[in-house]
C-alpha cells in the first residue's frame, strides 16, 4: 500500500474514532497512531469492528465490565486498556 493510500486510510479511520465519549476518542486515536501501521490484517479488522460498536458496549469492554465474544476483539480491547498505563 502506498504512503498516500495509508495516510488516506488513517485519516478515514481517525474520523471514525470520533465518539460520543472523549475517553473512547483518546483510546481509539492513540491505538490508530501507535499501532495501525504495524498491525496485521486481523488486528486491523478487529479495530474496524470496534469502530462499528456502540459506545456503551465498547465502554463496557474497555472498562472490563463485559468482554467481547471474539478473541481478536478481546486481544485488541486488552491492548487498548493496557495502553492507558504506558
PDB file of N, CA and C in Angstrom:
ATOM      1  N   UNK A   1       0.855  -1.176   0.000  1.00  0.00           N
ATOM      2  CA  UNK A   1       0.000   0.000   0.000  1.00  0.00           C
ATOM      3  C   UNK A   1       0.901   1.239   0.000  1.00  0.00           C
ATOM      4  N   UNK A   2       0.581   2.192  -0.861  1.00  0.00           N
ATOM      5  CA  UNK A   2       1.376   3.412  -0.956  1.00  0.00           C
ATOM      6  C   UNK A   2       1.202   4.268   0.299  1.00  0.00           C
ATOM      7  N   UNK A   3       2.157   5.151   0.497  1.00  0.00           N
ATOM      8  CA  UNK A   3       2.117   6.046   1.658  1.00  0.00           C
ATOM      9  C   UNK A   3       0.877   6.931   1.606  1.00  0.00           C
ATOM     10  N   UNK A   4       0.554   7.427   0.414  1.00  0.00           N
ATOM     11  CA  UNK A   4      -0.638   8.284   0.277  1.00  0.00           C
ATOM     12  C   UNK A   4      -1.905   7.514   0.646  1.00  0.00           C
ATOM     13  N   UNK A   5      -1.970   6.286   0.194  1.00  0.00           N
ATOM     14  CA  UNK A   5      -3.156   5.464   0.494  1.00  0.00           C
ATOM     15  C   UNK A   5      -3.237   5.149   1.988  1.00  0.00           C
ATOM     16  N   UNK A   6      -2.079   4.846   2.598  1.00  0.00           N
ATOM     17  CA  UNK A   6      -2.056   4.592   4.051  1.00  0.00           C
ATOM     18  C   UNK A   6      -2.511   5.829   4.815  1.00  0.00           C
ATOM     19  N   UNK A   7      -2.031   6.993   4.405  1.00  0.00           N
ATOM     20  CA  UNK A   7      -2.424   8.241   5.071  1.00  0.00           C
ATOM     21  C   UNK A   7      -3.916   8.510   4.910  1.00  0.00           C
ATOM     22  N   UNK A   8      -4.448   8.248   3.721  1.00  0.00           N
ATOM     23  CA  UNK A   8      -5.880   8.446   3.487  1.00  0.00           C
ATOM     24  C   UNK A   8      -6.697   7.477   4.339  1.00  0.00           C
ATOM     25  N   UNK A   9      -6.244   6.236   4.430  1.00  0.00           N
ATOM     26  CA  UNK A   9      -6.946   5.234   5.247  1.00  0.00           C
ATOM     27  C   UNK A   9      -6.939   5.637   6.718  1.00  0.00           C
ATOM     28  N   UNK A  10      -5.799   6.072   7.213  1.00  0.00           N
ATOM     29  CA  UNK A  10      -5.715   6.500   8.616  1.00  0.00           C
ATOM     30  C   UNK A  10      -6.569   7.740   8.868  1.00  0.00           C
ATOM     31  N   UNK A  11      -6.629   8.657   7.916  1.00  0.00           N
ATOM     32  CA  UNK A  11      -7.487   9.845   8.077  1.00  0.00           C
ATOM     33  C   UNK A  11      -8.954   9.436   8.158  1.00  0.00           C
ATOM     34  N   UNK A  12      -9.363   8.478   7.318  1.00  0.00           N
ATOM     35  CA  UNK A  12     -10.732   7.978   7.348  1.00  0.00           C
ATOM     36  C   UNK A  12     -11.036   7.333   8.697  1.00  0.00           C
ATOM     37  N   UNK A  13     -10.095   6.531   9.183  1.00  0.00           N
ATOM     38  CA  UNK A  13     -10.286   5.858  10.466  1.00  0.00           C
ATOM     39  C   UNK A  13     -10.257   6.850  11.626  1.00  0.00           C
ATOM     40  N   UNK A  14      -9.381   7.850  11.548  1.00  0.00           N
ATOM     41  CA  UNK A  14      -9.317   8.866  12.605  1.00  0.00           C
ATOM     42  C   UNK A  14     -10.674   9.551  12.747  1.00  0.00           C
ATOM     43  N   UNK A  15     -11.322   9.830  11.622  1.00  0.00           N
ATOM     44  CA  UNK A  15     -12.656  10.443  11.655  1.00  0.00           C
ATOM     45  C   UNK A  15     -13.643   9.506  12.335  1.00  0.00           C
ATOM     46  N   UNK A  16     -13.548   8.207  12.053  1.00  0.00           N
ATOM     47  CA  UNK A  16     -14.460   7.230  12.653  1.00  0.00           C
ATOM     48  C   UNK A  16     -14.184   7.024  14.141  1.00  0.00           C
ATOM     49  N   UNK A  17     -13.000   7.405  14.598  1.00  0.00           N
ATOM     50  CA  UNK A  17     -12.670   7.285  16.030  1.00  0.00           C
ATOM     51  C   UNK A  17     -13.400   8.324  16.871  1.00  0.00           C
ATOM     52  N   UNK A  18     -13.974   9.312  16.241  1.00  0.00           N
ATOM     53  CA  UNK A  18     -14.712  10.348  16.972  1.00  0.00           C
ATOM     54  C   UNK A  18     -15.971   9.727  17.538  1.00  0.00           C
ATOM     55  N   UNK A  19     -16.077   9.732  18.839  1.00  0.00           N
ATOM     56  CA  UNK A  19     -17.177   9.078  19.534  1.00  0.00           C
ATOM     57  C   UNK A  19     -17.943  10.097  20.358  1.00  0.00           C
ATOM     58  N   UNK A  20     -18.930   9.620  21.064  1.00  0.00           N
ATOM     59  CA  UNK A  20     -19.676  10.474  21.970  1.00  0.00           C
ATOM     60  C   UNK A  20     -18.979  10.631  23.310  1.00  0.00           C
ATOM     61  N   UNK A  21     -17.910   9.878  23.508  1.00  0.00           N
ATOM     62  CA  UNK A  21     -17.170   9.883  24.771  1.00  0.00           C
ATOM     63  C   UNK A  21     -15.713  10.229  24.510  1.00  0.00           C
ATOM     64  N   UNK A  22     -15.257  11.267  25.130  1.00  0.00           N
ATOM     65  CA  UNK A  22     -13.859  11.710  24.935  1.00  0.00           C
ATOM     66  C   UNK A  22     -12.868  10.600  25.279  1.00  0.00           C
ATOM     67  N   UNK A  23     -13.149   9.835  26.322  1.00  0.00           N
ATOM     68  CA  UNK A  23     -12.244   8.769  26.745  1.00  0.00           C
ATOM     69  C   UNK A  23     -12.060   7.732  25.640  1.00  0.00           C
ATOM     70  N   UNK A  24     -13.148   7.395  24.959  1.00  0.00           N
ATOM     71  CA  UNK A  24     -13.056   6.454  23.854  1.00  0.00           C
ATOM     72  C   UNK A  24     -12.305   7.062  22.680  1.00  0.00           C
ATOM     73  N   UNK A  25     -12.546   8.344  22.406  1.00  0.00           N
ATOM     74  CA  UNK A  25     -11.810   9.028  21.340  1.00  0.00           C
ATOM     75  C   UNK A  25     -10.312   8.869  21.551  1.00  0.00           C
ATOM     76  N   UNK A  26      -9.880   9.156  22.759  1.00  0.00           N
ATOM     77  CA  UNK A  26      -8.447   9.126  23.073  1.00  0.00           C
ATOM     78  C   UNK A  26      -7.890   7.714  22.918  1.00  0.00           C
ATOM     79  N   UNK A  27      -8.567   6.721  23.462  1.00  0.00           N
ATOM     80  CA  UNK A  27      -8.091   5.340  23.357  1.00  0.00           C
ATOM     81  C   UNK A  27      -7.978   4.894  21.901  1.00  0.00           C
ATOM     82  N   UNK A  28      -9.005   5.166  21.132  1.00  0.00           N
ATOM     83  CA  UNK A  28      -9.024   4.710  19.742  1.00  0.00           C
ATOM     84  C   UNK A  28      -8.001   5.438  18.883  1.00  0.00           C
ATOM     85  N   UNK A  29      -7.915   6.746  19.023  1.00  0.00           N
ATOM     86  CA  UNK A  29      -6.940   7.511  18.238  1.00  0.00           C
ATOM     87  C   UNK A  29      -5.523   7.121  18.635  1.00  0.00           C
ATOM     88  N   UNK A  30      -5.281   6.916  19.923  1.00  0.00           N
ATOM     89  CA  UNK A  30      -3.939   6.511  20.352  1.00  0.00           C
ATOM     90  C   UNK A  30      -3.533   5.186  19.709  1.00  0.00           C
ATOM     91  N   UNK A  31      -4.462   4.216  19.677  1.00  0.00           N
ATOM     92  CA  UNK A  31      -4.131   2.937  19.042  1.00  0.00           C
ATOM     93  C   UNK A  31      -3.863   3.135  17.552  1.00  0.00           C
ATOM     94  N   UNK A  32      -4.699   3.930  16.917  1.00  0.00           N
ATOM     95  CA  UNK A  32      -4.537   4.193  15.487  1.00  0.00           C
ATOM     96  C   UNK A  32      -3.164   4.792  15.205  1.00  0.00           C
ATOM     97  N   UNK A  33      -2.775   5.779  15.981  1.00  0.00           N
ATOM     98  CA  UNK A  33      -1.488   6.442  15.764  1.00  0.00           C
ATOM     99  C   UNK A  33      -0.293   5.560  16.130  1.00  0.00           C
ATOM    100  N   UNK A  34      -0.437   4.764  17.158  1.00  0.00           N
ATOM    101  CA  UNK A  34       0.679   3.969  17.676  1.00  0.00           C
ATOM    102  C   UNK A  34       0.807   2.611  16.992  1.00  0.00           C
ATOM    103  N   UNK A  35      -0.319   1.953  16.709  1.00  0.00           N
ATOM    104  CA  UNK A  35      -0.265   0.543  16.322  1.00  0.00           C
ATOM    105  C   UNK A  35      -0.758   0.213  14.914  1.00  0.00           C
ATOM    106  N   UNK A  36      -1.500   1.083  14.282  1.00  0.00           N
ATOM    107  CA  UNK A  36      -2.134   0.748  13.000  1.00  0.00           C
ATOM    108  C   UNK A  36      -1.124   0.300  11.943  1.00  0.00           C
ATOM    109  N   UNK A  37      -0.052   1.050  11.760  1.00  0.00           N
ATOM    110  CA  UNK A  37       0.898   0.729  10.696  1.00  0.00           C
ATOM    111  C   UNK A  37       1.539  -0.640  10.878  1.00  0.00           C
ATOM    112  N   UNK A  38       1.740  -1.056  12.113  1.00  0.00           N
ATOM    113  CA  UNK A  38       2.375  -2.338  12.393  1.00  0.00           C
ATOM    114  C   UNK A  38       1.363  -3.481  12.527  1.00  0.00           C
ATOM    115  N   UNK A  39       0.100  -3.162  12.587  1.00  0.00           N
ATOM    116  CA  UNK A  39      -0.937  -4.174  12.818  1.00  0.00           C
ATOM    117  C   UNK A  39      -1.123  -5.064  11.600  1.00  0.00           C
ATOM    118  N   UNK A  40      -1.432  -6.315  11.881  1.00  0.00           N
ATOM    119  CA  UNK A  40      -1.733  -7.267  10.818  1.00  0.00           C
ATOM    120  C   UNK A  40      -3.185  -7.151  10.402  1.00  0.00           C
ATOM    121  N   UNK A  41      -3.565  -7.893   9.378  1.00  0.00           N
ATOM    122  CA  UNK A  41      -4.936  -7.820   8.865  1.00  0.00           C
ATOM    123  C   UNK A  41      -5.996  -8.156   9.919  1.00  0.00           C
ATOM    124  N   UNK A  42      -5.731  -9.123  10.791  1.00  0.00           N
ATOM    125  CA  UNK A  42      -6.711  -9.497  11.814  1.00  0.00           C
ATOM    126  C   UNK A  42      -6.904  -8.369  12.820  1.00  0.00           C
ATOM    127  N   UNK A  43      -5.801  -7.730  13.236  1.00  0.00           N
ATOM    128  CA  UNK A  43      -5.910  -6.612  14.176  1.00  0.00           C
ATOM    129  C   UNK A  43      -6.629  -5.430  13.531  1.00  0.00           C
ATOM    130  N   UNK A  44      -6.314  -5.162  12.282  1.00  0.00           N
ATOM    131  CA  UNK A  44      -6.973  -4.048  11.590  1.00  0.00           C
ATOM    132  C   UNK A  44      -8.477  -4.313  11.447  1.00  0.00           C
ATOM    133  N   UNK A  45      -8.829  -5.542  11.121  1.00  0.00           N
ATOM    134  CA  UNK A  45     -10.249  -5.888  11.003  1.00  0.00           C
ATOM    135  C   UNK A  45     -10.940  -5.762  12.359  1.00  0.00           C
ATOM    136  N   UNK A  46     -10.262  -6.181  13.428  1.00  0.00           N
ATOM    137  CA  UNK A  46     -10.833  -6.055  14.774  1.00  0.00           C
ATOM    138  C   UNK A  46     -11.031  -4.581  15.124  1.00  0.00           C
ATOM    139  N   UNK A  47     -10.073  -3.745  14.757  1.00  0.00           N
ATOM    140  CA  UNK A  47     -10.196  -2.313  15.035  1.00  0.00           C
ATOM    141  C   UNK A  47     -11.396  -1.725  14.300  1.00  0.00           C
ATOM    142  N   UNK A  48     -11.572  -2.100  13.047  1.00  0.00           N
ATOM    143  CA  UNK A  48     -12.725  -1.607  12.286  1.00  0.00           C
ATOM    144  C   UNK A  48     -14.029  -2.084  12.927  1.00  0.00           C
ATOM    145  N   UNK A  49     -14.031  -3.302  13.453  1.00  0.00           N
ATOM    146  CA  UNK A  49     -15.219  -3.810  14.151  1.00  0.00           C
ATOM    147  C   UNK A  49     -15.481  -2.988  15.405  1.00  0.00           C
ATOM    148  N   UNK A  50     -14.411  -2.640  16.129  1.00  0.00           N
ATOM    149  CA  UNK A  50     -14.591  -1.782  17.313  1.00  0.00           C
ATOM    150  C   UNK A  50     -15.225  -0.459  16.925  1.00  0.00           C
ATOM    151  N   UNK A  51     -14.808   0.084  15.798  1.00  0.00           N
ATOM    152  CA  UNK A  51     -15.355   1.364  15.364  1.00  0.00           C
ATOM    153  C   UNK A  51     -16.837   1.272  15.007  1.00  0.00           C
ATOM    154  N   UNK A  52     -17.311   0.082  14.716  1.00  0.00           N
ATOM    155  CA  UNK A  52     -18.727  -0.125  14.406  1.00  0.00           C
ATOM    156  C   UNK A  52     -19.558  -0.425  15.659  1.00  0.00           C
ATOM    157  N   UNK A  53     -18.887  -0.611  16.777  1.00  0.00           N
ATOM    158  CA  UNK A  53     -19.548  -0.986  18.028  1.00  0.00           C
ATOM    159  C   UNK A  53     -20.130   0.241  18.715  1.00  0.00           C
ATOM    160  N   UNK A  54     -21.292   0.092  19.300  1.00  0.00           N
ATOM    161  CA  UNK A  54     -21.938   1.185  20.033  1.00  0.00           C
ATOM    162  C   UNK A  54     -21.061   1.604  21.213  1.00  0.00           C
ATOM    163  N   UNK A  55     -21.091   2.887  21.528  1.00  0.00           N
ATOM    164  CA  UNK A  55     -20.248   3.436  22.586  1.00  0.00           C
ATOM    165  C   UNK A  55     -20.442   2.743  23.937  1.00  0.00           C
ATOM    166  N   UNK A  56     -21.689   2.516  24.318  1.00  0.00           N
ATOM    167  CA  UNK A  56     -21.920   1.932  25.637  1.00  0.00           C
ATOM    168  C   UNK A  56     -21.358   0.520  25.724  1.00  0.00           C
ATOM    169  N   UNK A  57     -21.491  -0.251  24.675  1.00  0.00           N
ATOM    170  CA  UNK A  57     -20.931  -1.604  24.661  1.00  0.00           C
ATOM    171  C   UNK A  57     -19.402  -1.550  24.659  1.00  0.00           C
ATOM    172  N   UNK A  58     -18.834  -0.683  23.835  1.00  0.00           N
ATOM    173  CA  UNK A  58     -17.380  -0.540  23.768  1.00  0.00           C
ATOM    174  C   UNK A  58     -16.815  -0.091  25.116  1.00  0.00           C
ATOM    175  N   UNK A  59     -17.495   0.838  25.763  1.00  0.00           N
ATOM    176  CA  UNK A  59     -17.052   1.316  27.070  1.00  0.00           C
ATOM    177  C   UNK A  59     -17.084   0.183  28.100  1.00  0.00           C
ATOM    178  N   UNK A  60     -18.114  -0.632  28.059  1.00  0.00           N
ATOM    179  CA  UNK A  60     -18.199  -1.775  28.977  1.00  0.00           C
ATOM    180  C   UNK A  60     -17.037  -2.736  28.741  1.00  0.00           C
ATOM    181  N   UNK A  61     -16.644  -2.931  27.489  1.00  0.00           N
ATOM    182  CA  UNK A  61     -15.497  -3.801  27.182  1.00  0.00           C
ATOM    183  C   UNK A  61     -14.201  -3.195  27.709  1.00  0.00           C
ATOM    184  N   UNK A  62     -14.008  -1.917  27.436  1.00  0.00           N
ATOM    185  CA  UNK A  62     -12.755  -1.249  27.821  1.00  0.00           C
ATOM    186  C   UNK A  62     -12.602  -1.170  29.331  1.00  0.00           C
ATOM    187  N   UNK A  63     -13.705  -0.997  30.032  1.00  0.00           N
ATOM    188  CA  UNK A  63     -13.638  -0.897  31.490  1.00  0.00           C
ATOM    189  C   UNK A  63     -13.658  -2.257  32.182  1.00  0.00           C
ATOM    190  N   UNK A  64     -13.813  -3.316  31.402  1.00  0.00           N
ATOM    191  CA  UNK A  64     -13.789  -4.661  31.976  1.00  0.00           C
ATOM    192  C   UNK A  64     -15.109  -5.116  32.565  1.00  0.00           C
ATOM    193  N   UNK A  65     -16.169  -4.360  32.357  1.00  0.00           N
ATOM    194  CA  UNK A  65     -17.483  -4.760  32.852  1.00  0.00           C
ATOM    195  C   UNK A  65     -18.033  -5.938  32.072  1.00  0.00           C
ATOM    196  N   UNK A  66     -17.686  -6.003  30.798  1.00  0.00           N
ATOM    197  CA  UNK A  66     -18.090  -7.093  29.906  1.00  0.00           C
ATOM    198  C   UNK A  66     -16.921  -7.384  28.984  1.00  0.00           C
ATOM    199  N   UNK A  67     -17.028  -8.497  28.258  1.00  0.00           N
ATOM    200  CA  UNK A  67     -15.979  -8.862  27.308  1.00  0.00           C
ATOM    201  C   UNK A  67     -16.607  -9.226  25.971  1.00  0.00           C
ATOM    202  N   UNK A  68     -15.940  -8.869  24.882  1.00  0.00           N
ATOM    203  CA  UNK A  68     -16.448  -9.277  23.578  1.00  0.00           C
ATOM    204  C   UNK A  68     -16.322 -10.792  23.410  1.00  0.00           C
ATOM    205  N   UNK A  69     -17.118 -11.366  22.544  1.00  0.00           N
ATOM    206  CA  UNK A  69     -17.083 -12.811  22.319  1.00  0.00           C
ATOM    207  C   UNK A  69     -15.929 -13.220  21.407  1.00  0.00           C
ATOM    208  N   UNK A  70     -15.523 -12.350  20.516  1.00  0.00           N
ATOM    209  CA  UNK A  70     -14.483 -12.644  19.536  1.00  0.00           C
ATOM    210  C   UNK A  70     -13.092 -12.492  20.149  1.00  0.00           C
ATOM    211  N   UNK A  71     -12.233 -13.477  19.947  1.00  0.00           N
ATOM    212  CA  UNK A  71     -10.884 -13.473  20.536  1.00  0.00           C
ATOM    213  C   UNK A  71     -10.038 -12.306  20.033  1.00  0.00           C
ATOM    214  N   UNK A  72     -10.163 -11.960  18.757  1.00  0.00           N
ATOM    215  CA  UNK A  72      -9.389 -10.836  18.217  1.00  0.00           C
ATOM    216  C   UNK A  72      -9.818  -9.527  18.873  1.00  0.00           C
ATOM    217  N   UNK A  73     -11.114  -9.387  19.136  1.00  0.00           N
ATOM    218  CA  UNK A  73     -11.598  -8.185  19.823  1.00  0.00           C
ATOM    219  C   UNK A  73     -11.116  -8.152  21.262  1.00  0.00           C
ATOM    220  N   UNK A  74     -11.120  -9.299  21.916  1.00  0.00           N
ATOM    221  CA  UNK A  74     -10.622  -9.369  23.301  1.00  0.00           C
ATOM    222  C   UNK A  74      -9.181  -8.891  23.341  1.00  0.00           C
ATOM    223  N   UNK A  75      -8.341  -9.387  22.444  1.00  0.00           N
ATOM    224  CA  UNK A  75      -6.926  -9.001  22.425  1.00  0.00           C
ATOM    225  C   UNK A  75      -6.764  -7.503  22.183  1.00  0.00           C
ATOM    226  N   UNK A  76      -7.552  -6.955  21.281  1.00  0.00           N
ATOM    227  CA  UNK A  76      -7.456  -5.527  20.990  1.00  0.00           C
ATOM    228  C   UNK A  76      -7.939  -4.687  22.166  1.00  0.00           C
ATOM    229  N   UNK A  77      -9.015  -5.096  22.793  1.00  0.00           N
ATOM    230  CA  UNK A  77      -9.526  -4.363  23.956  1.00  0.00           C
ATOM    231  C   UNK A  77      -8.495  -4.391  25.089  1.00  0.00           C
ATOM    232  N   UNK A  78      -7.858  -5.521  25.293  1.00  0.00           N
ATOM    233  CA  UNK A  78      -6.806  -5.612  26.315  1.00  0.00           C
ATOM    234  C   UNK A  78      -5.679  -4.652  25.968  1.00  0.00           C
ATOM    235  N   UNK A  79      -5.298  -4.584  24.701  1.00  0.00           N
ATOM    236  CA  UNK A  79      -4.232  -3.662  24.271  1.00  0.00           C
ATOM    237  C   UNK A  79      -4.659  -2.220  24.515  1.00  0.00           C
ATOM    238  N   UNK A  80      -5.895  -1.899  24.198  1.00  0.00           N
ATOM    239  CA  UNK A  80      -6.386  -0.532  24.451  1.00  0.00           C
ATOM    240  C   UNK A  80      -6.333  -0.213  25.947  1.00  0.00           C
ATOM    241  N   UNK A  81      -6.783  -1.164  26.739  1.00  0.00           N
ATOM    242  CA  UNK A  81      -6.806  -0.988  28.197  1.00  0.00           C
ATOM    243  C   UNK A  81      -5.381  -0.824  28.736  1.00  0.00           C
ATOM    244  N   UNK A  82      -4.466  -1.664  28.274  1.00  0.00           N
ATOM    245  CA  UNK A  82      -3.078  -1.594  28.733  1.00  0.00           C
ATOM    246  C   UNK A  82      -2.373  -0.323  28.298  1.00  0.00           C
ATOM    247  N   UNK A  83      -2.794   0.249  27.171  1.00  0.00           N
ATOM    248  CA  UNK A  83      -2.137   1.445  26.660  1.00  0.00           C
ATOM    249  C   UNK A  83      -2.316   2.636  27.589  1.00  0.00           C
ATOM    250  N   UNK A  84      -3.320   2.578  28.437  1.00  0.00           N
ATOM    251  CA  UNK A  84      -3.549   3.671  29.398  1.00  0.00           C
ATOM    252  C   UNK A  84      -2.379   3.751  30.376  1.00  0.00           C
ATOM    253  N   UNK A  85      -1.762   2.620  30.657  1.00  0.00           N
ATOM    254  CA  UNK A  85      -0.693   2.557  31.647  1.00  0.00           C
ATOM    255  C   UNK A  85       0.693   2.689  31.036  1.00  0.00           C
ATOM    256  N   UNK A  86       0.793   2.895  29.732  1.00  0.00           N
ATOM    257  CA  UNK A  86       2.097   3.013  29.086  1.00  0.00           C
ATOM    258  C   UNK A  86       2.587   4.435  29.094  1.00  0.00           C
TER     259      UNK A  86
END
